[in-house]
PDB file of N, CA and C in Angstrom:
ATOM      1  N   MET A   1     422.327  -7.649 -48.432  1.00  0.00           N
ATOM      2  CA  MET A   1     423.338  -6.806 -47.845  1.00  0.00           C
ATOM      3  C   MET A   1     424.628  -7.621 -47.766  1.00  0.00           C
ATOM      4  N   GLU A   2     425.717  -6.992 -48.086  1.00  0.00           N
ATOM      5  CA  GLU A   2     427.016  -7.636 -48.025  1.00  0.00           C
ATOM      6  C   GLU A   2     427.851  -6.969 -46.940  1.00  0.00           C
ATOM      7  N   VAL A   3     428.503  -7.783 -46.116  1.00  0.00           N
ATOM      8  CA  VAL A   3     429.379  -7.279 -45.063  1.00  0.00           C
ATOM      9  C   VAL A   3     430.789  -7.723 -45.389  1.00  0.00           C
ATOM     10  N   GLU A   4     431.725  -6.781 -45.298  1.00  0.00           N
ATOM     11  CA  GLU A   4     433.117  -7.081 -45.610  1.00  0.00           C
ATOM     12  C   GLU A   4     434.013  -6.553 -44.494  1.00  0.00           C
ATOM     13  N   TYR A   5     434.911  -7.381 -44.021  1.00  0.00           N
ATOM     14  CA  TYR A   5     435.877  -6.999 -42.991  1.00  0.00           C
ATOM     15  C   TYR A   5     437.187  -6.669 -43.704  1.00  0.00           C
ATOM     16  N   ILE A   6     437.604  -5.415 -43.621  1.00  0.00           N
ATOM     17  CA  ILE A   6     438.789  -4.970 -44.357  1.00  0.00           C
ATOM     18  C   ILE A   6     439.921  -4.684 -43.370  1.00  0.00           C
ATOM     19  N   THR A   7     441.082  -5.289 -43.625  1.00  0.00           N
ATOM     20  CA  THR A   7     442.255  -5.033 -42.791  1.00  0.00           C
ATOM     21  C   THR A   7     443.388  -4.403 -43.592  1.00  0.00           C
ATOM     22  N   ASP A   8     443.229  -4.310 -44.898  1.00  0.00           N
ATOM     23  CA  ASP A   8     444.236  -3.700 -45.768  1.00  0.00           C
ATOM     24  C   ASP A   8     444.225  -2.192 -45.548  1.00  0.00           C
ATOM     25  N   MET A   9     445.278  -1.674 -44.913  1.00  0.00           N
ATOM     26  CA  MET A   9     445.312  -0.254 -44.563  1.00  0.00           C
ATOM     27  C   MET A   9     445.214   0.671 -45.772  1.00  0.00           C
ATOM     28  N   GLU A  10     445.729   0.250 -46.897  1.00  0.00           N
ATOM     29  CA  GLU A  10     445.624   1.076 -48.102  1.00  0.00           C
ATOM     30  C   GLU A  10     444.155   1.275 -48.487  1.00  0.00           C
ATOM     31  N   LYS A  11     443.396   0.202 -48.432  1.00  0.00           N
ATOM     32  CA  LYS A  11     441.976   0.299 -48.766  1.00  0.00           C
ATOM     33  C   LYS A  11     441.214   1.097 -47.703  1.00  0.00           C
ATOM     34  N   VAL A  12     441.570   0.909 -46.447  1.00  0.00           N
ATOM     35  CA  VAL A  12     440.938   1.662 -45.355  1.00  0.00           C
ATOM     36  C   VAL A  12     441.168   3.154 -45.560  1.00  0.00           C
ATOM     37  N   MET A  13     442.380   3.528 -45.909  1.00  0.00           N
ATOM     38  CA  MET A  13     442.710   4.944 -46.078  1.00  0.00           C
ATOM     39  C   MET A  13     442.025   5.559 -47.292  1.00  0.00           C
ATOM     40  N   GLU A  14     441.592   4.737 -48.255  1.00  0.00           N
ATOM     41  CA  GLU A  14     440.824   5.260 -49.391  1.00  0.00           C
ATOM     42  C   GLU A  14     439.535   5.927 -48.915  1.00  0.00           C
ATOM     43  N   TYR A  15     439.044   5.505 -47.755  1.00  0.00           N
ATOM     44  CA  TYR A  15     437.841   6.112 -47.186  1.00  0.00           C
ATOM     45  C   TYR A  15     438.164   7.313 -46.304  1.00  0.00           C
ATOM     46  N   GLY A  16     439.436   7.630 -46.140  1.00  0.00           N
ATOM     47  CA  GLY A  16     439.836   8.753 -45.305  1.00  0.00           C
ATOM     48  C   GLY A  16     439.813   8.426 -43.825  1.00  0.00           C
ATOM     49  N   VAL A  17     439.756   7.155 -43.496  1.00  0.00           N
ATOM     50  CA  VAL A  17     439.696   6.723 -42.107  1.00  0.00           C
ATOM     51  C   VAL A  17     441.105   6.711 -41.521  1.00  0.00           C
ATOM     52  N   MET A  18     441.274   7.378 -40.378  1.00  0.00           N
ATOM     53  CA  MET A  18     442.580   7.443 -39.744  1.00  0.00           C
ATOM     54  C   MET A  18     442.622   6.705 -38.415  1.00  0.00           C
ATOM     55  N   SER A  19     441.486   6.278 -37.900  1.00  0.00           N
ATOM     56  CA  SER A  19     441.477   5.493 -36.663  1.00  0.00           C
ATOM     57  C   SER A  19     440.444   4.387 -36.793  1.00  0.00           C
ATOM     58  N   MET A  20     440.728   3.309 -36.107  1.00  0.00           N
ATOM     59  CA  MET A  20     439.889   2.118 -36.202  1.00  0.00           C
ATOM     60  C   MET A  20     439.210   1.880 -34.863  1.00  0.00           C
ATOM     61  N   PRO A  21     438.116   1.184 -34.786  1.00  0.00           N
ATOM     62  CA  PRO A  21     437.367   0.602 -35.898  1.00  0.00           C
ATOM     63  C   PRO A  21     436.558   1.651 -36.637  1.00  0.00           C
ATOM     64  N   ALA A  22     436.158   1.296 -37.845  1.00  0.00           N
ATOM     65  CA  ALA A  22     435.330   2.188 -38.653  1.00  0.00           C
ATOM     66  C   ALA A  22     434.241   1.361 -39.334  1.00  0.00           C
ATOM     67  N   ILE A  23     433.126   2.004 -39.587  1.00  0.00           N
ATOM     68  CA  ILE A  23     432.022   1.358 -40.304  1.00  0.00           C
ATOM     69  C   ILE A  23     431.687   2.213 -41.516  1.00  0.00           C
ATOM     70  N   VAL A  24     431.618   1.571 -42.660  1.00  0.00           N
ATOM     71  CA  VAL A  24     431.247   2.226 -43.906  1.00  0.00           C
ATOM     72  C   VAL A  24     429.980   1.552 -44.413  1.00  0.00           C
ATOM     73  N   VAL A  25     428.955   2.353 -44.700  1.00  0.00           N
ATOM     74  CA  VAL A  25     427.691   1.837 -45.211  1.00  0.00           C
ATOM     75  C   VAL A  25     427.418   2.520 -46.544  1.00  0.00           C
ATOM     76  N   ASN A  26     427.244   1.722 -47.585  1.00  0.00           N
ATOM     77  CA  ASN A  26     426.989   2.259 -48.926  1.00  0.00           C
ATOM     78  C   ASN A  26     428.042   3.287 -49.333  1.00  0.00           C
ATOM     79  N   GLU A  27     429.309   2.933 -49.096  1.00  0.00           N
ATOM     80  CA  GLU A  27     430.461   3.760 -49.474  1.00  0.00           C
ATOM     81  C   GLU A  27     430.566   5.071 -48.691  1.00  0.00           C
ATOM     82  N   LYS A  28     429.828   5.200 -47.567  1.00  0.00           N
ATOM     83  CA  LYS A  28     429.889   6.400 -46.738  1.00  0.00           C
ATOM     84  C   LYS A  28     430.346   6.005 -45.331  1.00  0.00           C
ATOM     85  N   VAL A  29     431.368   6.688 -44.819  1.00  0.00           N
ATOM     86  CA  VAL A  29     431.858   6.420 -43.470  1.00  0.00           C
ATOM     87  C   VAL A  29     430.812   6.925 -42.475  1.00  0.00           C
ATOM     88  N   VAL A  30     430.330   6.027 -41.608  1.00  0.00           N
ATOM     89  CA  VAL A  30     429.292   6.406 -40.653  1.00  0.00           C
ATOM     90  C   VAL A  30     429.749   6.333 -39.204  1.00  0.00           C
ATOM     91  N   SER A  31     430.888   5.697 -38.954  1.00  0.00           N
ATOM     92  CA  SER A  31     431.419   5.629 -37.602  1.00  0.00           C
ATOM     93  C   SER A  31     432.925   5.405 -37.666  1.00  0.00           C
ATOM     94  N   VAL A  32     433.659   6.129 -36.809  1.00  0.00           N
ATOM     95  CA  VAL A  32     435.121   6.001 -36.781  1.00  0.00           C
ATOM     96  C   VAL A  32     435.603   6.088 -35.337  1.00  0.00           C
ATOM     97  N   GLY A  33     436.491   5.173 -34.975  1.00  0.00           N
ATOM     98  CA  GLY A  33     437.203   5.285 -33.710  1.00  0.00           C
ATOM     99  C   GLY A  33     436.446   4.924 -32.451  1.00  0.00           C
ATOM    100  N   LYS A  34     435.313   4.248 -32.573  1.00  0.00           N
ATOM    101  CA  LYS A  34     434.611   3.845 -31.357  1.00  0.00           C
ATOM    102  C   LYS A  34     433.953   2.489 -31.550  1.00  0.00           C
ATOM    103  N   VAL A  35     433.864   1.763 -30.460  1.00  0.00           N
ATOM    104  CA  VAL A  35     433.193   0.472 -30.472  1.00  0.00           C
ATOM    105  C   VAL A  35     431.730   0.737 -30.147  1.00  0.00           C
ATOM    106  N   LEU A  36     430.861   0.341 -31.053  1.00  0.00           N
ATOM    107  CA  LEU A  36     429.431   0.611 -30.893  1.00  0.00           C
ATOM    108  C   LEU A  36     428.697  -0.579 -30.300  1.00  0.00           C
ATOM    109  N   LYS A  37     427.589  -0.281 -29.657  1.00  0.00           N
ATOM    110  CA  LYS A  37     426.700  -1.344 -29.188  1.00  0.00           C
ATOM    111  C   LYS A  37     426.023  -1.962 -30.401  1.00  0.00           C
ATOM    112  N   THR A  38     425.594  -3.187 -30.260  1.00  0.00           N
ATOM    113  CA  THR A  38     424.906  -3.885 -31.345  1.00  0.00           C
ATOM    114  C   THR A  38     423.716  -3.077 -31.844  1.00  0.00           C
ATOM    115  N   SER A  39     422.949  -2.512 -30.940  1.00  0.00           N
ATOM    116  CA  SER A  39     421.768  -1.733 -31.320  1.00  0.00           C
ATOM    117  C   SER A  39     422.139  -0.511 -32.151  1.00  0.00           C
ATOM    118  N   ASP A  40     423.274   0.112 -31.839  1.00  0.00           N
ATOM    119  CA  ASP A  40     423.723   1.278 -32.605  1.00  0.00           C
ATOM    120  C   ASP A  40     424.152   0.888 -34.017  1.00  0.00           C
ATOM    121  N   VAL A  41     424.816  -0.266 -34.148  1.00  0.00           N
ATOM    122  CA  VAL A  41     425.210  -0.750 -35.479  1.00  0.00           C
ATOM    123  C   VAL A  41     423.965  -1.060 -36.290  1.00  0.00           C
ATOM    124  N   GLU A  42     422.980  -1.690 -35.683  1.00  0.00           N
ATOM    125  CA  GLU A  42     421.729  -2.004 -36.384  1.00  0.00           C
ATOM    126  C   GLU A  42     421.068  -0.730 -36.900  1.00  0.00           C
ATOM    127  N   LYS A  43     421.065   0.324 -36.107  1.00  0.00           N
ATOM    128  CA  LYS A  43     420.474   1.596 -36.547  1.00  0.00           C
ATOM    129  C   LYS A  43     421.215   2.157 -37.758  1.00  0.00           C
ATOM    130  N   LEU A  44     422.543   2.083 -37.738  1.00  0.00           N
ATOM    131  CA  LEU A  44     423.334   2.590 -38.869  1.00  0.00           C
ATOM    132  C   LEU A  44     423.049   1.804 -40.147  1.00  0.00           C
ATOM    133  N   LEU A  45     422.869   0.512 -40.005  1.00  0.00           N
ATOM    134  CA  LEU A  45     422.617  -0.330 -41.177  1.00  0.00           C
ATOM    135  C   LEU A  45     421.234  -0.116 -41.753  1.00  0.00           C
ATOM    136  N   LYS A  46     420.284   0.305 -40.941  1.00  0.00           N
ATOM    137  CA  LYS A  46     418.907   0.510 -41.404  1.00  0.00           C
ATOM    138  C   LYS A  46     418.721   1.858 -42.090  1.00  0.00           C
ATOM    139  N   LYS A  47     419.656   2.786 -41.894  1.00  0.00           N
ATOM    140  CA  LYS A  47     419.532   4.129 -42.492  1.00  0.00           C
ATOM    141  C   LYS A  47     419.590   4.055 -43.991  1.00  0.00           C
TER     142      LYS A  47
END
């Protein structure tokens, strides 16, 4: 699994994300605009 931290707004907007933070898993936006608990992030990554 590769994790990438993106701060380039142009690249962020390619995903249609308008508020931060956001999580993208396998090129699909799975969370936008909220800070998640560690356990919630782990669940998203396991899907």
